[in-house]
Amino acid sequence: MALTQTLISEAGPLPLSTNFNAEGDGEVVFYLSGSAWSQTAGAQLAVTLILDNDPLQTSVVYTNESASHKALVPIFIPATLTAGSHTVTLQIENDQTITDVNDNFNVTLIY
C-alpha cells in the first residue's frame, strides 16, 4: 500500500515552499496540481516543482482568454530521495503566469 504525505495544500500566490523529512532512501512520486491566470490572452501558464533547488518538472496549460483562472494540468513527477530533510518549492516559470489568493496548490509525496 502506498504511503502519502501532503506537503503543500494552500492558496497562492507563488512561490510556496515547505520543508519535509523523507522516510527513507528510494524512489518516490510527487503529485502536483494547482491553478494560475494571465492578463494576456493566448498565454502559456507554467508552474515548476523544485526539490532542494533542483527544478524537476513543470505543469503547463494554455489559456485562450485573459483574466481567467485555469487549472494546471495535474502531473506525477518521479524522483529519488535520500532519508532526511528536503525542501520543495513551487514557482511560476514565465512572466505571463500570475498566481494569487484565488489559486490553490497541492503537492503530495507518494512513497
PDB file of N, CA and C in Angstrom:
ATOM      1  N   MET A   1       0.838  -1.173   0.000  1.00  0.00           N
ATOM      2  CA  MET A   1       0.000   0.000   0.000  1.00  0.00           C
ATOM      3  C   MET A   1       0.887   1.242   0.000  1.00  0.00           C
ATOM      4  N   ALA A   2       0.556   2.197  -0.841  1.00  0.00           N
ATOM      5  CA  ALA A   2       1.330   3.431  -0.944  1.00  0.00           C
ATOM      6  C   ALA A   2       1.077   4.329   0.267  1.00  0.00           C
ATOM      7  N   LEU A   3       2.145   4.975   0.706  1.00  0.00           N
ATOM      8  CA  LEU A   3       2.033   5.966   1.763  1.00  0.00           C
ATOM      9  C   LEU A   3       2.097   7.344   1.131  1.00  0.00           C
ATOM     10  N   THR A   4       1.293   8.268   1.625  1.00  0.00           N
ATOM     11  CA  THR A   4       1.304   9.623   1.086  1.00  0.00           C
ATOM     12  C   THR A   4       1.561  10.631   2.191  1.00  0.00           C
ATOM     13  N   GLN A   5       2.110  11.761   1.787  1.00  0.00           N
ATOM     14  CA  GLN A   5       2.362  12.865   2.706  1.00  0.00           C
ATOM     15  C   GLN A   5       2.024  14.159   1.974  1.00  0.00           C
ATOM     16  N   THR A   6       1.046  14.913   2.476  1.00  0.00           N
ATOM     17  CA  THR A   6       0.709  16.192   1.868  1.00  0.00           C
ATOM     18  C   THR A   6       1.761  17.212   2.277  1.00  0.00           C
ATOM     19  N   LEU A   7       2.422  17.790   1.281  1.00  0.00           N
ATOM     20  CA  LEU A   7       3.478  18.760   1.545  1.00  0.00           C
ATOM     21  C   LEU A   7       2.980  20.191   1.437  1.00  0.00           C
ATOM     22  N   ILE A   8       2.189  20.457   0.403  1.00  0.00           N
ATOM     23  CA  ILE A   8       1.614  21.792   0.209  1.00  0.00           C
ATOM     24  C   ILE A   8       0.131  21.621  -0.089  1.00  0.00           C
ATOM     25  N   SER A   9      -0.687  22.371   0.613  1.00  0.00           N
ATOM     26  CA  SER A   9      -2.125  22.416   0.366  1.00  0.00           C
ATOM     27  C   SER A   9      -2.595  23.788   0.817  1.00  0.00           C
ATOM     28  N   GLU A  10      -2.380  24.780  -0.053  1.00  0.00           N
ATOM     29  CA  GLU A  10      -2.716  26.153   0.329  1.00  0.00           C
ATOM     30  C   GLU A  10      -2.863  27.044  -0.891  1.00  0.00           C
ATOM     31  N   ALA A  11      -3.410  28.225  -0.640  1.00  0.00           N
ATOM     32  CA  ALA A  11      -3.606  29.221  -1.690  1.00  0.00           C
ATOM     33  C   ALA A  11      -2.299  29.964  -1.952  1.00  0.00           C
ATOM     34  N   GLY A  12      -2.213  30.526  -3.153  1.00  0.00           N
ATOM     35  CA  GLY A  12      -1.063  31.328  -3.551  1.00  0.00           C
ATOM     36  C   GLY A  12      -1.093  32.685  -2.897  1.00  0.00           C
ATOM     37  N   PRO A  13      -0.265  33.585  -3.341  1.00  0.00           N
ATOM     38  CA  PRO A  13       0.496  33.496  -4.586  1.00  0.00           C
ATOM     39  C   PRO A  13       1.786  32.687  -4.436  1.00  0.00           C
ATOM     40  N   LEU A  14       2.353  32.309  -5.584  1.00  0.00           N
ATOM     41  CA  LEU A  14       3.642  31.639  -5.602  1.00  0.00           C
ATOM     42  C   LEU A  14       4.756  32.671  -5.538  1.00  0.00           C
ATOM     43  N   PRO A  15       5.905  32.302  -4.992  1.00  0.00           N
ATOM     44  CA  PRO A  15       6.318  30.943  -4.658  1.00  0.00           C
ATOM     45  C   PRO A  15       5.785  30.485  -3.305  1.00  0.00           C
ATOM     46  N   LEU A  16       5.600  29.168  -3.205  1.00  0.00           N
ATOM     47  CA  LEU A  16       5.277  28.494  -1.946  1.00  0.00           C
ATOM     48  C   LEU A  16       6.370  27.468  -1.698  1.00  0.00           C
ATOM     49  N   SER A  17       6.770  27.322  -0.452  1.00  0.00           N
ATOM     50  CA  SER A  17       7.859  26.412  -0.130  1.00  0.00           C
ATOM     51  C   SER A  17       7.608  25.770   1.224  1.00  0.00           C
ATOM     52  N   THR A  18       8.081  24.529   1.391  1.00  0.00           N
ATOM     53  CA  THR A  18       7.982  23.849   2.679  1.00  0.00           C
ATOM     54  C   THR A  18       9.128  22.863   2.830  1.00  0.00           C
ATOM     55  N   ASN A  19       9.476  22.600   4.065  1.00  0.00           N
ATOM     56  CA  ASN A  19      10.476  21.582   4.384  1.00  0.00           C
ATOM     57  C   ASN A  19       9.760  20.314   4.813  1.00  0.00           C
ATOM     58  N   PHE A  20      10.372  19.158   4.533  1.00  0.00           N
ATOM     59  CA  PHE A  20       9.810  17.881   4.956  1.00  0.00           C
ATOM     60  C   PHE A  20      10.939  16.894   5.194  1.00  0.00           C
ATOM     61  N   ASN A  21      10.639  15.851   5.929  1.00  0.00           N
ATOM     62  CA  ASN A  21      11.598  14.774   6.177  1.00  0.00           C
ATOM     63  C   ASN A  21      11.183  13.543   5.399  1.00  0.00           C
ATOM     64  N   ALA A  22      12.088  13.038   4.558  1.00  0.00           N
ATOM     65  CA  ALA A  22      11.832  11.809   3.806  1.00  0.00           C
ATOM     66  C   ALA A  22      11.956  10.616   4.749  1.00  0.00           C
ATOM     67  N   GLU A  23      11.053   9.661   4.591  1.00  0.00           N
ATOM     68  CA  GLU A  23      11.018   8.471   5.441  1.00  0.00           C
ATOM     69  C   GLU A  23      12.239   7.572   5.246  1.00  0.00           C
ATOM     70  N   GLY A  24      12.812   7.584   4.053  1.00  0.00           N
ATOM     71  CA  GLY A  24      13.962   6.726   3.760  1.00  0.00           C
ATOM     72  C   GLY A  24      14.494   7.011   2.372  1.00  0.00           C
ATOM     73  N   ASP A  25      15.490   6.249   1.962  1.00  0.00           N
ATOM     74  CA  ASP A  25      16.064   6.370   0.627  1.00  0.00           C
ATOM     75  C   ASP A  25      15.186   5.636  -0.381  1.00  0.00           C
ATOM     76  N   GLY A  26      15.097   6.167  -1.598  1.00  0.00           N
ATOM     77  CA  GLY A  26      14.400   5.432  -2.634  1.00  0.00           C
ATOM     78  C   GLY A  26      13.605   6.289  -3.592  1.00  0.00           C
ATOM     79  N   GLU A  27      12.906   5.580  -4.467  1.00  0.00           N
ATOM     80  CA  GLU A  27      12.094   6.204  -5.497  1.00  0.00           C
ATOM     81  C   GLU A  27      10.767   6.666  -4.896  1.00  0.00           C
ATOM     82  N   VAL A  28      10.350   7.874  -5.263  1.00  0.00           N
ATOM     83  CA  VAL A  28       9.081   8.440  -4.833  1.00  0.00           C
ATOM     84  C   VAL A  28       8.417   9.109  -6.025  1.00  0.00           C
ATOM     85  N   VAL A  29       7.189   9.557  -5.826  1.00  0.00           N
ATOM     86  CA  VAL A  29       6.468  10.318  -6.842  1.00  0.00           C
ATOM     87  C   VAL A  29       5.834  11.517  -6.155  1.00  0.00           C
ATOM     88  N   PHE A  30       6.001  12.688  -6.756  1.00  0.00           N
ATOM     89  CA  PHE A  30       5.303  13.887  -6.309  1.00  0.00           C
ATOM     90  C   PHE A  30       4.091  14.085  -7.210  1.00  0.00           C
ATOM     91  N   TYR A  31       2.962  14.460  -6.618  1.00  0.00           N
ATOM     92  CA  TYR A  31       1.761  14.812  -7.380  1.00  0.00           C
ATOM     93  C   TYR A  31       1.559  16.313  -7.217  1.00  0.00           C
ATOM     94  N   LEU A  32       1.451  17.031  -8.338  1.00  0.00           N
ATOM     95  CA  LEU A  32       1.298  18.490  -8.341  1.00  0.00           C
ATOM     96  C   LEU A  32       0.011  18.883  -9.041  1.00  0.00           C
ATOM     97  N   SER A  33      -0.771  19.742  -8.384  1.00  0.00           N
ATOM     98  CA  SER A  33      -1.940  20.344  -9.023  1.00  0.00           C
ATOM     99  C   SER A  33      -2.058  21.782  -8.536  1.00  0.00           C
ATOM    100  N   GLY A  34      -2.764  22.594  -9.302  1.00  0.00           N
ATOM    101  CA  GLY A  34      -2.943  23.988  -8.920  1.00  0.00           C
ATOM    102  C   GLY A  34      -3.643  24.754 -10.017  1.00  0.00           C
ATOM    103  N   SER A  35      -3.610  26.066  -9.900  1.00  0.00           N
ATOM    104  CA  SER A  35      -4.222  26.930 -10.912  1.00  0.00           C
ATOM    105  C   SER A  35      -3.413  28.211 -11.041  1.00  0.00           C
ATOM    106  N   ALA A  36      -3.668  28.929 -12.119  1.00  0.00           N
ATOM    107  CA  ALA A  36      -2.971  30.188 -12.387  1.00  0.00           C
ATOM    108  C   ALA A  36      -3.793  30.966 -13.415  1.00  0.00           C
ATOM    109  N   TRP A  37      -3.370  32.202 -13.679  1.00  0.00           N
ATOM    110  CA  TRP A  37      -4.061  33.012 -14.674  1.00  0.00           C
ATOM    111  C   TRP A  37      -3.065  33.964 -15.328  1.00  0.00           C
ATOM    112  N   SER A  38      -3.544  34.684 -16.349  1.00  0.00           N
ATOM    113  CA  SER A  38      -2.694  35.636 -17.054  1.00  0.00           C
ATOM    114  C   SER A  38      -3.511  36.846 -17.471  1.00  0.00           C
ATOM    115  N   GLN A  39      -2.868  37.978 -17.566  1.00  0.00           N
ATOM    116  CA  GLN A  39      -3.514  39.176 -18.097  1.00  0.00           C
ATOM    117  C   GLN A  39      -3.481  39.196 -19.621  1.00  0.00           C
ATOM    118  N   THR A  40      -2.794  38.216 -20.206  1.00  0.00           N
ATOM    119  CA  THR A  40      -2.612  38.144 -21.650  1.00  0.00           C
ATOM    120  C   THR A  40      -3.412  36.992 -22.235  1.00  0.00           C
ATOM    121  N   ALA A  41      -4.245  37.274 -23.236  1.00  0.00           N
ATOM    122  CA  ALA A  41      -4.946  36.211 -23.942  1.00  0.00           C
ATOM    123  C   ALA A  41      -3.922  35.395 -24.728  1.00  0.00           C
ATOM    124  N   GLY A  42      -4.157  34.094 -24.822  1.00  0.00           N
ATOM    125  CA  GLY A  42      -3.245  33.233 -25.570  1.00  0.00           C
ATOM    126  C   GLY A  42      -1.944  32.955 -24.834  1.00  0.00           C
ATOM    127  N   ALA A  43      -1.991  32.926 -23.528  1.00  0.00           N
ATOM    128  CA  ALA A  43      -0.777  32.736 -22.731  1.00  0.00           C
ATOM    129  C   ALA A  43      -0.583  31.277 -22.341  1.00  0.00           C
ATOM    130  N   GLN A  44       0.663  30.905 -22.158  1.00  0.00           N
ATOM    131  CA  GLN A  44       1.007  29.612 -21.605  1.00  0.00           C
ATOM    132  C   GLN A  44       1.294  29.814 -20.118  1.00  0.00           C
ATOM    133  N   LEU A  45       0.512  29.128 -19.260  1.00  0.00           N
ATOM    134  CA  LEU A  45       0.689  29.218 -17.819  1.00  0.00           C
ATOM    135  C   LEU A  45       1.577  28.062 -17.381  1.00  0.00           C
ATOM    136  N   ALA A  46       2.585  28.335 -16.541  1.00  0.00           N
ATOM    137  CA  ALA A  46       3.542  27.299 -16.181  1.00  0.00           C
ATOM    138  C   ALA A  46       3.995  27.452 -14.734  1.00  0.00           C
ATOM    139  N   VAL A  47       3.970  26.325 -13.999  1.00  0.00           N
ATOM    140  CA  VAL A  47       4.422  26.274 -12.610  1.00  0.00           C
ATOM    141  C   VAL A  47       5.376  25.091 -12.474  1.00  0.00           C
ATOM    142  N   THR A  48       6.524  25.335 -11.851  1.00  0.00           N
ATOM    143  CA  THR A  48       7.563  24.322 -11.707  1.00  0.00           C
ATOM    144  C   THR A  48       7.679  23.848 -10.266  1.00  0.00           C
ATOM    145  N   LEU A  49       7.866  22.535 -10.101  1.00  0.00           N
ATOM    146  CA  LEU A  49       8.170  21.946  -8.804  1.00  0.00           C
ATOM    147  C   LEU A  49       9.684  21.842  -8.673  1.00  0.00           C
ATOM    148  N   ILE A  50      10.208  22.388  -7.584  1.00  0.00           N
ATOM    149  CA  ILE A  50      11.648  22.401  -7.325  1.00  0.00           C
ATOM    150  C   ILE A  50      11.908  21.603  -6.055  1.00  0.00           C
ATOM    151  N   LEU A  51      12.830  20.669  -6.126  1.00  0.00           N
ATOM    152  CA  LEU A  51      13.229  19.869  -4.976  1.00  0.00           C
ATOM    153  C   LEU A  51      14.670  20.201  -4.630  1.00  0.00           C
ATOM    154  N   ASP A  52      14.892  20.751  -3.446  1.00  0.00           N
ATOM    155  CA  ASP A  52      16.250  21.089  -2.984  1.00  0.00           C
ATOM    156  C   ASP A  52      17.008  21.904  -4.038  1.00  0.00           C
ATOM    157  N   ASN A  53      16.361  22.948  -4.552  1.00  0.00           N
ATOM    158  CA  ASN A  53      16.922  23.869  -5.554  1.00  0.00           C
ATOM    159  C   ASN A  53      17.142  23.247  -6.924  1.00  0.00           C
ATOM    160  N   ASP A  54      16.563  22.072  -7.177  1.00  0.00           N
ATOM    161  CA  ASP A  54      16.683  21.397  -8.469  1.00  0.00           C
ATOM    162  C   ASP A  54      15.303  21.331  -9.129  1.00  0.00           C
ATOM    163  N   PRO A  55      15.075  22.087 -10.216  1.00  0.00           N
ATOM    164  CA  PRO A  55      13.774  22.027 -10.904  1.00  0.00           C
ATOM    165  C   PRO A  55      13.525  20.612 -11.440  1.00  0.00           C
ATOM    166  N   LEU A  56      12.369  20.037 -11.085  1.00  0.00           N
ATOM    167  CA  LEU A  56      12.071  18.674 -11.512  1.00  0.00           C
ATOM    168  C   LEU A  56      11.189  18.632 -12.754  1.00  0.00           C
ATOM    169  N   GLN A  57      10.045  19.315 -12.707  1.00  0.00           N
ATOM    170  CA  GLN A  57       9.115  19.267 -13.835  1.00  0.00           C
ATOM    171  C   GLN A  57       8.164  20.449 -13.755  1.00  0.00           C
ATOM    172  N   THR A  58       7.592  20.806 -14.905  1.00  0.00           N
ATOM    173  CA  THR A  58       6.705  21.960 -14.999  1.00  0.00           C
ATOM    174  C   THR A  58       5.329  21.526 -15.473  1.00  0.00           C
ATOM    175  N   SER A  59       4.298  22.001 -14.769  1.00  0.00           N
ATOM    176  CA  SER A  59       2.919  21.799 -15.191  1.00  0.00           C
ATOM    177  C   SER A  59       2.507  22.999 -16.031  1.00  0.00           C
ATOM    178  N   VAL A  60       1.913  22.732 -17.190  1.00  0.00           N
ATOM    179  CA  VAL A  60       1.622  23.786 -18.158  1.00  0.00           C
ATOM    180  C   VAL A  60       0.179  23.670 -18.641  1.00  0.00           C
ATOM    181  N   VAL A  61      -0.444  24.831 -18.864  1.00  0.00           N
ATOM    182  CA  VAL A  61      -1.751  24.875 -19.510  1.00  0.00           C
ATOM    183  C   VAL A  61      -1.807  26.156 -20.340  1.00  0.00           C
ATOM    184  N   TYR A  62      -2.599  26.126 -21.391  1.00  0.00           N
ATOM    185  CA  TYR A  62      -2.769  27.268 -22.288  1.00  0.00           C
ATOM    186  C   TYR A  62      -4.112  27.918 -22.001  1.00  0.00           C
ATOM    187  N   THR A  63      -4.156  29.239 -21.981  1.00  0.00           N
ATOM    188  CA  THR A  63      -5.422  29.935 -21.792  1.00  0.00           C
ATOM    189  C   THR A  63      -5.744  30.778 -23.021  1.00  0.00           C
ATOM    190  N   ASN A  64      -6.970  30.645 -23.512  1.00  0.00           N
ATOM    191  CA  ASN A  64      -7.402  31.426 -24.671  1.00  0.00           C
ATOM    192  C   ASN A  64      -7.742  32.860 -24.310  1.00  0.00           C
ATOM    193  N   GLU A  65      -8.341  33.062 -23.130  1.00  0.00           N
ATOM    194  CA  GLU A  65      -8.771  34.396 -22.744  1.00  0.00           C
ATOM    195  C   GLU A  65      -7.915  34.921 -21.591  1.00  0.00           C
ATOM    196  N   SER A  66      -7.953  36.224 -21.402  1.00  0.00           N
ATOM    197  CA  SER A  66      -7.205  36.839 -20.306  1.00  0.00           C
ATOM    198  C   SER A  66      -8.066  36.871 -19.038  1.00  0.00           C
ATOM    199  N   ALA A  67      -7.384  37.055 -17.902  1.00  0.00           N
ATOM    200  CA  ALA A  67      -8.030  37.251 -16.600  1.00  0.00           C
ATOM    201  C   ALA A  67      -8.993  36.125 -16.220  1.00  0.00           C
ATOM    202  N   SER A  68      -8.637  34.889 -16.554  1.00  0.00           N
ATOM    203  CA  SER A  68      -9.455  33.733 -16.214  1.00  0.00           C
ATOM    204  C   SER A  68      -8.557  32.676 -15.571  1.00  0.00           C
ATOM    205  N   HIS A  69      -8.855  32.320 -14.336  1.00  0.00           N
ATOM    206  CA  HIS A  69      -8.064  31.310 -13.641  1.00  0.00           C
ATOM    207  C   HIS A  69      -8.271  29.954 -14.315  1.00  0.00           C
ATOM    208  N   LYS A  70      -7.181  29.252 -14.563  1.00  0.00           N
ATOM    209  CA  LYS A  70      -7.218  27.950 -15.230  1.00  0.00           C
ATOM    210  C   LYS A  70      -6.549  26.899 -14.362  1.00  0.00           C
ATOM    211  N   ALA A  71      -7.108  25.691 -14.372  1.00  0.00           N
ATOM    212  CA  ALA A  71      -6.480  24.572 -13.681  1.00  0.00           C
ATOM    213  C   ALA A  71      -5.248  24.144 -14.463  1.00  0.00           C
ATOM    214  N   LEU A  72      -4.125  24.015 -13.762  1.00  0.00           N
ATOM    215  CA  LEU A  72      -2.930  23.466 -14.387  1.00  0.00           C
ATOM    216  C   LEU A  72      -3.140  21.982 -14.620  1.00  0.00           C
ATOM    217  N   VAL A  73      -2.459  21.442 -15.618  1.00  0.00           N
ATOM    218  CA  VAL A  73      -2.551  20.008 -15.866  1.00  0.00           C
ATOM    219  C   VAL A  73      -1.889  19.290 -14.694  1.00  0.00           C
ATOM    220  N   PRO A  74      -2.647  18.464 -13.944  1.00  0.00           N
ATOM    221  CA  PRO A  74      -2.047  17.741 -12.813  1.00  0.00           C
ATOM    222  C   PRO A  74      -0.987  16.771 -13.324  1.00  0.00           C
ATOM    223  N   ILE A  75       0.136  16.695 -12.619  1.00  0.00           N
ATOM    224  CA  ILE A  75       1.211  15.822 -13.078  1.00  0.00           C
ATOM    225  C   ILE A  75       1.775  14.994 -11.926  1.00  0.00           C
ATOM    226  N   PHE A  76       2.284  13.827 -12.290  1.00  0.00           N
ATOM    227  CA  PHE A  76       3.034  12.959 -11.384  1.00  0.00           C
ATOM    228  C   PHE A  76       4.505  13.099 -11.756  1.00  0.00           C
ATOM    229  N   ILE A  77       5.353  13.321 -10.756  1.00  0.00           N
ATOM    230  CA  ILE A  77       6.764  13.600 -11.002  1.00  0.00           C
ATOM    231  C   ILE A  77       7.618  12.587 -10.241  1.00  0.00           C
ATOM    232  N   PRO A  78       8.300  11.683 -10.956  1.00  0.00           N
ATOM    233  CA  PRO A  78       9.158  10.725 -10.267  1.00  0.00           C
ATOM    234  C   PRO A  78      10.436  11.400  -9.781  1.00  0.00           C
ATOM    235  N   ALA A  79      10.945  10.920  -8.648  1.00  0.00           N
ATOM    236  CA  ALA A  79      12.189  11.463  -8.087  1.00  0.00           C
ATOM    237  C   ALA A  79      12.827  10.411  -7.193  1.00  0.00           C
ATOM    238  N   THR A  80      14.088  10.634  -6.866  1.00  0.00           N
ATOM    239  CA  THR A  80      14.798   9.789  -5.924  1.00  0.00           C
ATOM    240  C   THR A  80      15.164  10.632  -4.718  1.00  0.00           C
ATOM    241  N   LEU A  81      14.793  10.150  -3.531  1.00  0.00           N
ATOM    242  CA  LEU A  81      15.091  10.875  -2.293  1.00  0.00           C
ATOM    243  C   LEU A  81      16.053  10.090  -1.430  1.00  0.00           C
ATOM    244  N   THR A  82      16.789  10.833  -0.621  1.00  0.00           N
ATOM    245  CA  THR A  82      17.565  10.232   0.455  1.00  0.00           C
ATOM    246  C   THR A  82      16.839  10.563   1.753  1.00  0.00           C
ATOM    247  N   ALA A  83      17.013   9.725   2.751  1.00  0.00           N
ATOM    248  CA  ALA A  83      16.376   9.969   4.040  1.00  0.00           C
ATOM    249  C   ALA A  83      16.855  11.294   4.609  1.00  0.00           C
ATOM    250  N   GLY A  84      15.930  12.013   5.251  1.00  0.00           N
ATOM    251  CA  GLY A  84      16.303  13.263   5.897  1.00  0.00           C
ATOM    252  C   GLY A  84      15.537  14.458   5.378  1.00  0.00           C
ATOM    253  N   SER A  85      16.057  15.623   5.675  1.00  0.00           N
ATOM    254  CA  SER A  85      15.382  16.887   5.396  1.00  0.00           C
ATOM    255  C   SER A  85      15.526  17.323   3.937  1.00  0.00           C
ATOM    256  N   HIS A  86      14.407  17.792   3.377  1.00  0.00           N
ATOM    257  CA  HIS A  86      14.368  18.294   1.999  1.00  0.00           C
ATOM    258  C   HIS A  86      13.453  19.507   1.946  1.00  0.00           C
ATOM    259  N   THR A  87      13.582  20.279   0.865  1.00  0.00           N
ATOM    260  CA  THR A  87      12.718  21.432   0.630  1.00  0.00           C
ATOM    261  C   THR A  87      12.069  21.291  -0.732  1.00  0.00           C
ATOM    262  N   VAL A  88      10.758  21.511  -0.772  1.00  0.00           N
ATOM    263  CA  VAL A  88      10.030  21.530  -2.033  1.00  0.00           C
ATOM    264  C   VAL A  88       9.449  22.926  -2.208  1.00  0.00           C
ATOM    265  N   THR A  89       9.556  23.449  -3.447  1.00  0.00           N
ATOM    266  CA  THR A  89       9.110  24.804  -3.766  1.00  0.00           C
ATOM    267  C   THR A  89       8.304  24.775  -5.060  1.00  0.00           C
ATOM    268  N   LEU A  90       7.239  25.572  -5.106  1.00  0.00           N
ATOM    269  CA  LEU A  90       6.505  25.817  -6.345  1.00  0.00           C
ATOM    270  C   LEU A  90       6.780  27.248  -6.767  1.00  0.00           C
ATOM    271  N   GLN A  91       7.126  27.434  -8.040  1.00  0.00           N
ATOM    272  CA  GLN A  91       7.348  28.790  -8.540  1.00  0.00           C
ATOM    273  C   GLN A  91       6.818  28.923  -9.956  1.00  0.00           C
ATOM    274  N   ILE A  92       6.417  30.147 -10.312  1.00  0.00           N
ATOM    275  CA  ILE A  92       5.963  30.386 -11.678  1.00  0.00           C
ATOM    276  C   ILE A  92       7.170  30.333 -12.598  1.00  0.00           C
ATOM    277  N   GLU A  93       6.913  29.974 -13.849  1.00  0.00           N
ATOM    278  CA  GLU A  93       8.007  29.703 -14.772  1.00  0.00           C
ATOM    279  C   GLU A  93       8.176  30.751 -15.867  1.00  0.00           C
ATOM    280  N   ASN A  94       7.216  31.659 -16.016  1.00  0.00           N
ATOM    281  CA  ASN A  94       7.362  32.689 -17.046  1.00  0.00           C
ATOM    282  C   ASN A  94       6.627  33.954 -16.603  1.00  0.00           C
ATOM    283  N   ASP A  95       6.873  35.055 -17.300  1.00  0.00           N
ATOM    284  CA  ASP A  95       6.286  36.333 -16.878  1.00  0.00           C
ATOM    285  C   ASP A  95       4.813  36.481 -17.257  1.00  0.00           C
ATOM    286  N   GLN A  96       4.246  35.523 -17.994  1.00  0.00           N
ATOM    287  CA  GLN A  96       2.815  35.565 -18.313  1.00  0.00           C
ATOM    288  C   GLN A  96       1.966  34.905 -17.227  1.00  0.00           C
ATOM    289  N   THR A  97       2.578  34.082 -16.398  1.00  0.00           N
ATOM    290  CA  THR A  97       1.859  33.334 -15.364  1.00  0.00           C
ATOM    291  C   THR A  97       1.713  34.185 -14.109  1.00  0.00           C
ATOM    292  N   ILE A  98       0.471  34.271 -13.610  1.00  0.00           N
ATOM    293  CA  ILE A  98       0.167  35.015 -12.390  1.00  0.00           C
ATOM    294  C   ILE A  98      -0.571  34.076 -11.432  1.00  0.00           C
ATOM    295  N   THR A  99      -0.240  34.163 -10.153  1.00  0.00           N
ATOM    296  CA  THR A  99      -0.986  33.429  -9.127  1.00  0.00           C
ATOM    297  C   THR A  99      -1.329  34.397  -8.004  1.00  0.00           C
ATOM    298  N   ASP A 100      -2.465  34.142  -7.351  1.00  0.00           N
ATOM    299  CA  ASP A 100      -2.894  34.987  -6.239  1.00  0.00           C
ATOM    300  C   ASP A 100      -3.660  34.141  -5.231  1.00  0.00           C
ATOM    301  N   VAL A 101      -4.345  34.782  -4.292  1.00  0.00           N
ATOM    302  CA  VAL A 101      -5.061  34.051  -3.241  1.00  0.00           C
ATOM    303  C   VAL A 101      -6.227  33.213  -3.768  1.00  0.00           C
ATOM    304  N   ASN A 102      -6.617  33.416  -5.025  1.00  0.00           N
ATOM    305  CA  ASN A 102      -7.686  32.632  -5.629  1.00  0.00           C
ATOM    306  C   ASN A 102      -7.179  31.352  -6.287  1.00  0.00           C
ATOM    307  N   ASP A 103      -5.873  31.134  -6.257  1.00  0.00           N
ATOM    308  CA  ASP A 103      -5.258  29.938  -6.832  1.00  0.00           C
ATOM    309  C   ASP A 103      -4.808  29.022  -5.699  1.00  0.00           C
ATOM    310  N   ASN A 104      -5.189  27.773  -5.799  1.00  0.00           N
ATOM    311  CA  ASN A 104      -4.857  26.787  -4.772  1.00  0.00           C
ATOM    312  C   ASN A 104      -3.884  25.760  -5.328  1.00  0.00           C
ATOM    313  N   PHE A 105      -2.962  25.331  -4.476  1.00  0.00           N
ATOM    314  CA  PHE A 105      -1.907  24.415  -4.898  1.00  0.00           C
ATOM    315  C   PHE A 105      -1.829  23.225  -3.963  1.00  0.00           C
ATOM    316  N   ASN A 106      -1.536  22.078  -4.556  1.00  0.00           N
ATOM    317  CA  ASN A 106      -1.367  20.840  -3.797  1.00  0.00           C
ATOM    318  C   ASN A 106      -0.140  20.103  -4.310  1.00  0.00           C
ATOM    319  N   VAL A 107       0.699  19.704  -3.372  1.00  0.00           N
ATOM    320  CA  VAL A 107       1.819  18.814  -3.672  1.00  0.00           C
ATOM    321  C   VAL A 107       1.740  17.677  -2.665  1.00  0.00           C
ATOM    322  N   THR A 108       1.635  16.467  -3.187  1.00  0.00           N
ATOM    323  CA  THR A 108       1.577  15.269  -2.361  1.00  0.00           C
ATOM    324  C   THR A 108       2.751  14.384  -2.709  1.00  0.00           C
ATOM    325  N   LEU A 109       3.411  13.854  -1.680  1.00  0.00           N
ATOM    326  CA  LEU A 109       4.513  12.922  -1.860  1.00  0.00           C
ATOM    327  C   LEU A 109       3.970  11.516  -1.692  1.00  0.00           C
ATOM    328  N   ILE A 110       4.258  10.654  -2.671  1.00  0.00           N
ATOM    329  CA  ILE A 110       3.801   9.263  -2.649  1.00  0.00           C
ATOM    330  C   ILE A 110       5.024   8.361  -2.546  1.00  0.00           C
ATOM    331  N   TYR A 111       5.077   7.564  -1.473  1.00  0.00           N
ATOM    332  CA  TYR A 111       6.196   6.642  -1.267  1.00  0.00           C
ATOM    333  C   TYR A 111       5.903   5.301  -1.915  1.00  0.00           C
TER     334      TYR A 111
END
